[in-house]
Amino acid sequence: MVAVSRATPDARETFLLEFWACGNSVRVAALDPRTNTEVIIVGPASCDPAGLERVALAKLRRALSRAARTAG
């Protein structure tokens, strides 16, 4: 397992990422520490980690946007 904390260049968003290698697959969990919202994706181990990170963060942003719409 590899855990990574990332902030966007403008520091408005901070995310936690976990990468778990499971045979030929990699499980990536992305977490927003402010809302405790977590999403998980699974991709091939041969995929570029930056690509997996990009997909996981896009899914997390989509989940946060969906939650904001239903709460408001």
PDB file of N, CA and C in Angstrom:
ATOM      1  N   MET A   1       0.835  -1.169   0.000  1.00  0.00           N
ATOM      2  CA  MET A   1       0.000   0.000   0.000  1.00  0.00           C
ATOM      3  C   MET A   1       0.885   1.240   0.000  1.00  0.00           C
ATOM      4  N   VAL A   2       0.435   2.225  -0.753  1.00  0.00           N
ATOM      5  CA  VAL A   2       1.094   3.526  -0.774  1.00  0.00           C
ATOM      6  C   VAL A   2       0.023   4.567  -0.503  1.00  0.00           C
ATOM      7  N   ALA A   3       0.227   5.395   0.501  1.00  0.00           N
ATOM      8  CA  ALA A   3      -0.716   6.472   0.809  1.00  0.00           C
ATOM      9  C   ALA A   3      -0.066   7.793   0.416  1.00  0.00           C
ATOM     10  N   VAL A   4      -0.847   8.650  -0.233  1.00  0.00           N
ATOM     11  CA  VAL A   4      -0.345   9.920  -0.732  1.00  0.00           C
ATOM     12  C   VAL A   4      -1.338  11.009  -0.370  1.00  0.00           C
ATOM     13  N   SER A   5      -0.834  12.150   0.035  1.00  0.00           N
ATOM     14  CA  SER A   5      -1.684  13.312   0.259  1.00  0.00           C
ATOM     15  C   SER A   5      -1.363  14.328  -0.823  1.00  0.00           C
ATOM     16  N   ARG A   6      -2.381  14.860  -1.463  1.00  0.00           N
ATOM     17  CA  ARG A   6      -2.181  15.815  -2.552  1.00  0.00           C
ATOM     18  C   ARG A   6      -3.002  17.067  -2.292  1.00  0.00           C
ATOM     19  N   ALA A   7      -2.462  18.194  -2.704  1.00  0.00           N
ATOM     20  CA  ALA A   7      -3.201  19.454  -2.684  1.00  0.00           C
ATOM     21  C   ALA A   7      -3.133  20.037  -4.085  1.00  0.00           C
ATOM     22  N   THR A   8      -4.203  20.694  -4.495  1.00  0.00           N
ATOM     23  CA  THR A   8      -4.183  21.348  -5.794  1.00  0.00           C
ATOM     24  C   THR A   8      -3.249  22.550  -5.717  1.00  0.00           C
ATOM     25  N   PRO A   9      -2.750  23.033  -6.847  1.00  0.00           N
ATOM     26  CA  PRO A   9      -1.802  24.153  -6.829  1.00  0.00           C
ATOM     27  C   PRO A   9      -2.318  25.387  -6.093  1.00  0.00           C
ATOM     28  N   ASP A  10      -3.612  25.639  -6.136  1.00  0.00           N
ATOM     29  CA  ASP A  10      -4.149  26.803  -5.423  1.00  0.00           C
ATOM     30  C   ASP A  10      -4.503  26.472  -3.971  1.00  0.00           C
ATOM     31  N   ALA A  11      -4.265  25.245  -3.551  1.00  0.00           N
ATOM     32  CA  ALA A  11      -4.452  24.768  -2.169  1.00  0.00           C
ATOM     33  C   ALA A  11      -5.903  24.852  -1.695  1.00  0.00           C
ATOM     34  N   ARG A  12      -6.863  24.907  -2.622  1.00  0.00           N
ATOM     35  CA  ARG A  12      -8.269  24.906  -2.219  1.00  0.00           C
ATOM     36  C   ARG A  12      -8.780  23.502  -1.961  1.00  0.00           C
ATOM     37  N   GLU A  13      -8.133  22.509  -2.534  1.00  0.00           N
ATOM     38  CA  GLU A  13      -8.564  21.124  -2.369  1.00  0.00           C
ATOM     39  C   GLU A  13      -7.395  20.290  -1.876  1.00  0.00           C
ATOM     40  N   THR A  14      -7.675  19.412  -0.929  1.00  0.00           N
ATOM     41  CA  THR A  14      -6.687  18.448  -0.457  1.00  0.00           C
ATOM     42  C   THR A  14      -7.339  17.079  -0.492  1.00  0.00           C
ATOM     43  N   PHE A  15      -6.607  16.106  -1.002  1.00  0.00           N
ATOM     44  CA  PHE A  15      -7.127  14.749  -1.120  1.00  0.00           C
ATOM     45  C   PHE A  15      -6.130  13.767  -0.553  1.00  0.00           C
ATOM     46  N   LEU A  16      -6.639  12.653  -0.065  1.00  0.00           N
ATOM     47  CA  LEU A  16      -5.804  11.538   0.352  1.00  0.00           C
ATOM     48  C   LEU A  16      -6.024  10.412  -0.647  1.00  0.00           C
ATOM     49  N   LEU A  17      -4.942   9.781  -1.056  1.00  0.00           N
ATOM     50  CA  LEU A  17      -5.013   8.682  -2.016  1.00  0.00           C
ATOM     51  C   LEU A  17      -4.308   7.467  -1.439  1.00  0.00           C
ATOM     52  N   GLU A  18      -4.871   6.293  -1.666  1.00  0.00           N
ATOM     53  CA  GLU A  18      -4.247   5.022  -1.290  1.00  0.00           C
ATOM     54  C   GLU A  18      -4.183   4.143  -2.523  1.00  0.00           C
ATOM     55  N   PHE A  19      -3.027   3.580  -2.767  1.00  0.00           N
ATOM     56  CA  PHE A  19      -2.836   2.651  -3.876  1.00  0.00           C
ATOM     57  C   PHE A  19      -2.520   1.283  -3.286  1.00  0.00           C
ATOM     58  N   TRP A  20      -3.327   0.292  -3.621  1.00  0.00           N
ATOM     59  CA  TRP A  20      -3.111  -1.084  -3.188  1.00  0.00           C
ATOM     60  C   TRP A  20      -2.912  -1.953  -4.430  1.00  0.00           C
ATOM     61  N   ALA A  21      -1.766  -2.621  -4.522  1.00  0.00           N
ATOM     62  CA  ALA A  21      -1.526  -3.562  -5.617  1.00  0.00           C
ATOM     63  C   ALA A  21      -2.111  -4.913  -5.220  1.00  0.00           C
ATOM     64  N   CYS A  22      -2.937  -5.462  -6.080  1.00  0.00           N
ATOM     65  CA  CYS A  22      -3.589  -6.755  -5.835  1.00  0.00           C
ATOM     66  C   CYS A  22      -3.420  -7.610  -7.089  1.00  0.00           C
ATOM     67  N   GLY A  23      -2.297  -8.296  -7.213  1.00  0.00           N
ATOM     68  CA  GLY A  23      -2.049  -9.113  -8.400  1.00  0.00           C
ATOM     69  C   GLY A  23      -1.885  -8.239  -9.626  1.00  0.00           C
ATOM     70  N   ASN A  24      -2.751  -8.433 -10.617  1.00  0.00           N
ATOM     71  CA  ASN A  24      -2.686  -7.665 -11.857  1.00  0.00           C
ATOM     72  C   ASN A  24      -3.486  -6.372 -11.801  1.00  0.00           C
ATOM     73  N   SER A  25      -4.030  -6.052 -10.631  1.00  0.00           N
ATOM     74  CA  SER A  25      -4.865  -4.867 -10.481  1.00  0.00           C
ATOM     75  C   SER A  25      -4.315  -3.940  -9.413  1.00  0.00           C
ATOM     76  N   VAL A  26      -4.747  -2.690  -9.480  1.00  0.00           N
ATOM     77  CA  VAL A  26      -4.427  -1.701  -8.454  1.00  0.00           C
ATOM     78  C   VAL A  26      -5.743  -1.087  -7.995  1.00  0.00           C
ATOM     79  N   ARG A  27      -5.938  -1.082  -6.684  1.00  0.00           N
ATOM     80  CA  ARG A  27      -7.125  -0.464  -6.091  1.00  0.00           C
ATOM     81  C   ARG A  27      -6.706   0.915  -5.609  1.00  0.00           C
ATOM     82  N   VAL A  28      -7.426   1.948  -6.043  1.00  0.00           N
ATOM     83  CA  VAL A  28      -7.112   3.319  -5.648  1.00  0.00           C
ATOM     84  C   VAL A  28      -8.309   3.884  -4.895  1.00  0.00           C
ATOM     85  N   ALA A  29      -8.058   4.314  -3.666  1.00  0.00           N
ATOM     86  CA  ALA A  29      -9.087   4.969  -2.868  1.00  0.00           C
ATOM     87  C   ALA A  29      -8.734   6.446  -2.781  1.00  0.00           C
ATOM     88  N   ALA A  30      -9.700   7.308  -3.059  1.00  0.00           N
ATOM     89  CA  ALA A  30      -9.524   8.753  -2.946  1.00  0.00           C
ATOM     90  C   ALA A  30     -10.480   9.253  -1.870  1.00  0.00           C
ATOM     91  N   LEU A  31      -9.959  10.066  -0.954  1.00  0.00           N
ATOM     92  CA  LEU A  31     -10.736  10.524   0.190  1.00  0.00           C
ATOM     93  C   LEU A  31     -10.627  12.036   0.321  1.00  0.00           C
ATOM     94  N   ASP A  32     -11.770  12.686   0.540  1.00  0.00           N
ATOM     95  CA  ASP A  32     -11.797  14.110   0.861  1.00  0.00           C
ATOM     96  C   ASP A  32     -11.849  14.217   2.379  1.00  0.00           C
ATOM     97  N   PRO A  33     -10.788  14.733   3.025  1.00  0.00           N
ATOM     98  CA  PRO A  33     -10.758  14.747   4.490  1.00  0.00           C
ATOM     99  C   PRO A  33     -11.762  15.711   5.130  1.00  0.00           C
ATOM    100  N   ARG A  34     -12.248  16.697   4.389  1.00  0.00           N
ATOM    101  CA  ARG A  34     -13.221  17.637   4.959  1.00  0.00           C
ATOM    102  C   ARG A  34     -14.594  16.992   5.129  1.00  0.00           C
ATOM    103  N   THR A  35     -15.006  16.167   4.162  1.00  0.00           N
ATOM    104  CA  THR A  35     -16.342  15.567   4.191  1.00  0.00           C
ATOM    105  C   THR A  35     -16.324  14.071   4.493  1.00  0.00           C
ATOM    106  N   ASN A  36     -15.137  13.483   4.534  1.00  0.00           N
ATOM    107  CA  ASN A  36     -14.973  12.035   4.712  1.00  0.00           C
ATOM    108  C   ASN A  36     -15.631  11.236   3.595  1.00  0.00           C
ATOM    109  N   THR A  37     -15.732  11.834   2.418  1.00  0.00           N
ATOM    110  CA  THR A  37     -16.263  11.136   1.250  1.00  0.00           C
ATOM    111  C   THR A  37     -15.140  10.330   0.620  1.00  0.00           C
ATOM    112  N   GLU A  38     -15.407   9.058   0.342  1.00  0.00           N
ATOM    113  CA  GLU A  38     -14.406   8.174  -0.238  1.00  0.00           C
ATOM    114  C   GLU A  38     -14.974   7.496  -1.480  1.00  0.00           C
ATOM    115  N   VAL A  39     -14.150   7.397  -2.505  1.00  0.00           N
ATOM    116  CA  VAL A  39     -14.496   6.637  -3.701  1.00  0.00           C
ATOM    117  C   VAL A  39     -13.360   5.670  -3.992  1.00  0.00           C
ATOM    118  N   ILE A  40     -13.685   4.608  -4.688  1.00  0.00           N
ATOM    119  CA  ILE A  40     -12.690   3.572  -5.006  1.00  0.00           C
ATOM    120  C   ILE A  40     -12.792   3.238  -6.477  1.00  0.00           C
ATOM    121  N   ILE A  41     -11.635   3.101  -7.113  1.00  0.00           N
ATOM    122  CA  ILE A  41     -11.572   2.591  -8.479  1.00  0.00           C
ATOM    123  C   ILE A  41     -10.589   1.435  -8.496  1.00  0.00           C
ATOM    124  N   VAL A  42     -10.704   0.590  -9.498  1.00  0.00           N
ATOM    125  CA  VAL A  42      -9.760  -0.513  -9.709  1.00  0.00           C
ATOM    126  C   VAL A  42      -9.311  -0.442 -11.154  1.00  0.00           C
ATOM    127  N   GLY A  43      -8.001  -0.511 -11.352  1.00  0.00           N
ATOM    128  CA  GLY A  43      -7.451  -0.458 -12.699  1.00  0.00           C
ATOM    129  C   GLY A  43      -6.335  -1.463 -12.860  1.00  0.00           C
ATOM    130  N   PRO A  44      -5.848  -1.631 -14.072  1.00  0.00           N
ATOM    131  CA  PRO A  44      -4.766  -2.583 -14.320  1.00  0.00           C
ATOM    132  C   PRO A  44      -3.456  -2.095 -13.706  1.00  0.00           C
ATOM    133  N   ALA A  45      -2.662  -3.025 -13.209  1.00  0.00           N
ATOM    134  CA  ALA A  45      -1.370  -2.673 -12.611  1.00  0.00           C
ATOM    135  C   ALA A  45      -0.424  -2.075 -13.638  1.00  0.00           C
ATOM    136  N   SER A  46      -0.649  -2.353 -14.905  1.00  0.00           N
ATOM    137  CA  SER A  46       0.219  -1.818 -15.955  1.00  0.00           C
ATOM    138  C   SER A  46      -0.095  -0.355 -16.279  1.00  0.00           C
ATOM    139  N   CYS A  47      -1.185   0.168 -15.749  1.00  0.00           N
ATOM    140  CA  CYS A  47      -1.585   1.548 -16.019  1.00  0.00           C
ATOM    141  C   CYS A  47      -0.685   2.526 -15.272  1.00  0.00           C
ATOM    142  N   ASP A  48      -0.485   3.689 -15.851  1.00  0.00           N
ATOM    143  CA  ASP A  48       0.308   4.747 -15.239  1.00  0.00           C
ATOM    144  C   ASP A  48      -0.382   5.213 -13.945  1.00  0.00           C
ATOM    145  N   PRO A  49       0.334   5.285 -12.824  1.00  0.00           N
ATOM    146  CA  PRO A  49      -0.282   5.735 -11.568  1.00  0.00           C
ATOM    147  C   PRO A  49      -0.916   7.124 -11.663  1.00  0.00           C
ATOM    148  N   ALA A  50      -0.335   8.002 -12.460  1.00  0.00           N
ATOM    149  CA  ALA A  50      -0.911   9.338 -12.625  1.00  0.00           C
ATOM    150  C   ALA A  50      -2.285   9.257 -13.296  1.00  0.00           C
ATOM    151  N   GLY A  51      -2.450   8.336 -14.217  1.00  0.00           N
ATOM    152  CA  GLY A  51      -3.741   8.142 -14.864  1.00  0.00           C
ATOM    153  C   GLY A  51      -4.777   7.609 -13.899  1.00  0.00           C
ATOM    154  N   LEU A  52      -4.386   6.652 -13.061  1.00  0.00           N
ATOM    155  CA  LEU A  52      -5.300   6.118 -12.051  1.00  0.00           C
ATOM    156  C   LEU A  52      -5.690   7.214 -11.058  1.00  0.00           C
ATOM    157  N   GLU A  53      -4.711   8.032 -10.683  1.00  0.00           N
ATOM    158  CA  GLU A  53      -4.978   9.141  -9.762  1.00  0.00           C
ATOM    159  C   GLU A  53      -5.975  10.125 -10.385  1.00  0.00           C
ATOM    160  N   ARG A  54      -5.776  10.441 -11.645  1.00  0.00           N
ATOM    161  CA  ARG A  54      -6.661  11.382 -12.344  1.00  0.00           C
ATOM    162  C   ARG A  54      -8.107  10.861 -12.369  1.00  0.00           C
ATOM    163  N   VAL A  55      -8.277   9.574 -12.651  1.00  0.00           N
ATOM    164  CA  VAL A  55      -9.620   8.979 -12.699  1.00  0.00           C
ATOM    165  C   VAL A  55     -10.248   8.960 -11.302  1.00  0.00           C
ATOM    166  N   ALA A  56      -9.468   8.589 -10.294  1.00  0.00           N
ATOM    167  CA  ALA A  56      -9.996   8.536  -8.928  1.00  0.00           C
ATOM    168  C   ALA A  56     -10.413   9.930  -8.452  1.00  0.00           C
ATOM    169  N   LEU A  57      -9.611  10.942  -8.745  1.00  0.00           N
ATOM    170  CA  LEU A  57      -9.957  12.300  -8.325  1.00  0.00           C
ATOM    171  C   LEU A  57     -11.173  12.831  -9.092  1.00  0.00           C
ATOM    172  N   ALA A  58     -11.301  12.470 -10.356  1.00  0.00           N
ATOM    173  CA  ALA A  58     -12.477  12.879 -11.124  1.00  0.00           C
ATOM    174  C   ALA A  58     -13.735  12.248 -10.524  1.00  0.00           C
ATOM    175  N   LYS A  59     -13.640  10.985 -10.130  1.00  0.00           N
ATOM    176  CA  LYS A  59     -14.783  10.307  -9.517  1.00  0.00           C
ATOM    177  C   LYS A  59     -15.120  10.935  -8.162  1.00  0.00           C
ATOM    178  N   LEU A  60     -14.093  11.303  -7.387  1.00  0.00           N
ATOM    179  CA  LEU A  60     -14.325  11.943  -6.095  1.00  0.00           C
ATOM    180  C   LEU A  60     -14.977  13.309  -6.279  1.00  0.00           C
ATOM    181  N   ARG A  61     -14.486  14.095  -7.214  1.00  0.00           N
ATOM    182  CA  ARG A  61     -15.085  15.411  -7.470  1.00  0.00           C
ATOM    183  C   ARG A  61     -16.545  15.279  -7.917  1.00  0.00           C
ATOM    184  N   ARG A  62     -16.819  14.272  -8.723  1.00  0.00           N
ATOM    185  CA  ARG A  62     -18.191  14.025  -9.167  1.00  0.00           C
ATOM    186  C   ARG A  62     -19.075  13.662  -7.967  1.00  0.00           C
ATOM    187  N   ALA A  63     -18.571  12.831  -7.062  1.00  0.00           N
ATOM    188  CA  ALA A  63     -19.335  12.443  -5.872  1.00  0.00           C
ATOM    189  C   ALA A  63     -19.575  13.648  -4.968  1.00  0.00           C
ATOM    190  N   LEU A  64     -18.575  14.510  -4.814  1.00  0.00           N
ATOM    191  CA  LEU A  64     -18.734  15.705  -3.987  1.00  0.00           C
ATOM    192  C   LEU A  64     -19.749  16.664  -4.610  1.00  0.00           C
ATOM    193  N   SER A  65     -19.704  16.798  -5.920  1.00  0.00           N
ATOM    194  CA  SER A  65     -20.643  17.669  -6.615  1.00  0.00           C
ATOM    195  C   SER A  65     -22.072  17.150  -6.470  1.00  0.00           C
ATOM    196  N   ARG A  66     -22.239  15.847  -6.603  1.00  0.00           N
ATOM    197  CA  ARG A  66     -23.547  15.218  -6.467  1.00  0.00           C
ATOM    198  C   ARG A  66     -24.091  15.424  -5.032  1.00  0.00           C
ATOM    199  N   ALA A  67     -23.215  15.263  -4.037  1.00  0.00           N
ATOM    200  CA  ALA A  67     -23.628  15.438  -2.646  1.00  0.00           C
ATOM    201  C   ALA A  67     -24.017  16.892  -2.367  1.00  0.00           C
ATOM    202  N   ALA A  68     -23.301  17.833  -2.966  1.00  0.00           N
ATOM    203  CA  ALA A  68     -23.607  19.254  -2.759  1.00  0.00           C
ATOM    204  C   ALA A  68     -24.959  19.608  -3.383  1.00  0.00           C
ATOM    205  N   ARG A  69     -25.261  19.022  -4.533  1.00  0.00           N
ATOM    206  CA  ARG A  69     -26.551  19.282  -5.192  1.00  0.00           C
ATOM    207  C   ARG A  69     -27.719  18.753  -4.372  1.00  0.00           C
ATOM    208  N   THR A  70     -27.565  17.563  -3.796  1.00  0.00           N
ATOM    209  CA  THR A  70     -28.671  16.969  -3.041  1.00  0.00           C
ATOM    210  C   THR A  70     -28.829  17.624  -1.667  1.00  0.00           C
ATOM    211  N   ALA A  71     -27.750  18.190  -1.114  1.00  0.00           N
ATOM    212  CA  ALA A  71     -27.824  18.831   0.193  1.00  0.00           C
ATOM    213  C   ALA A  71     -28.410  20.238   0.106  1.00  0.00           C
ATOM    214  N   GLY A  72     -28.290  20.867  -1.054  1.00  0.00           N
ATOM    215  CA  GLY A  72     -28.708  22.257  -1.188  1.00  0.00           C
ATOM    216  C   GLY A  72     -30.063  22.378  -1.680  1.00  0.00           C
TER     217      GLY A  72
END
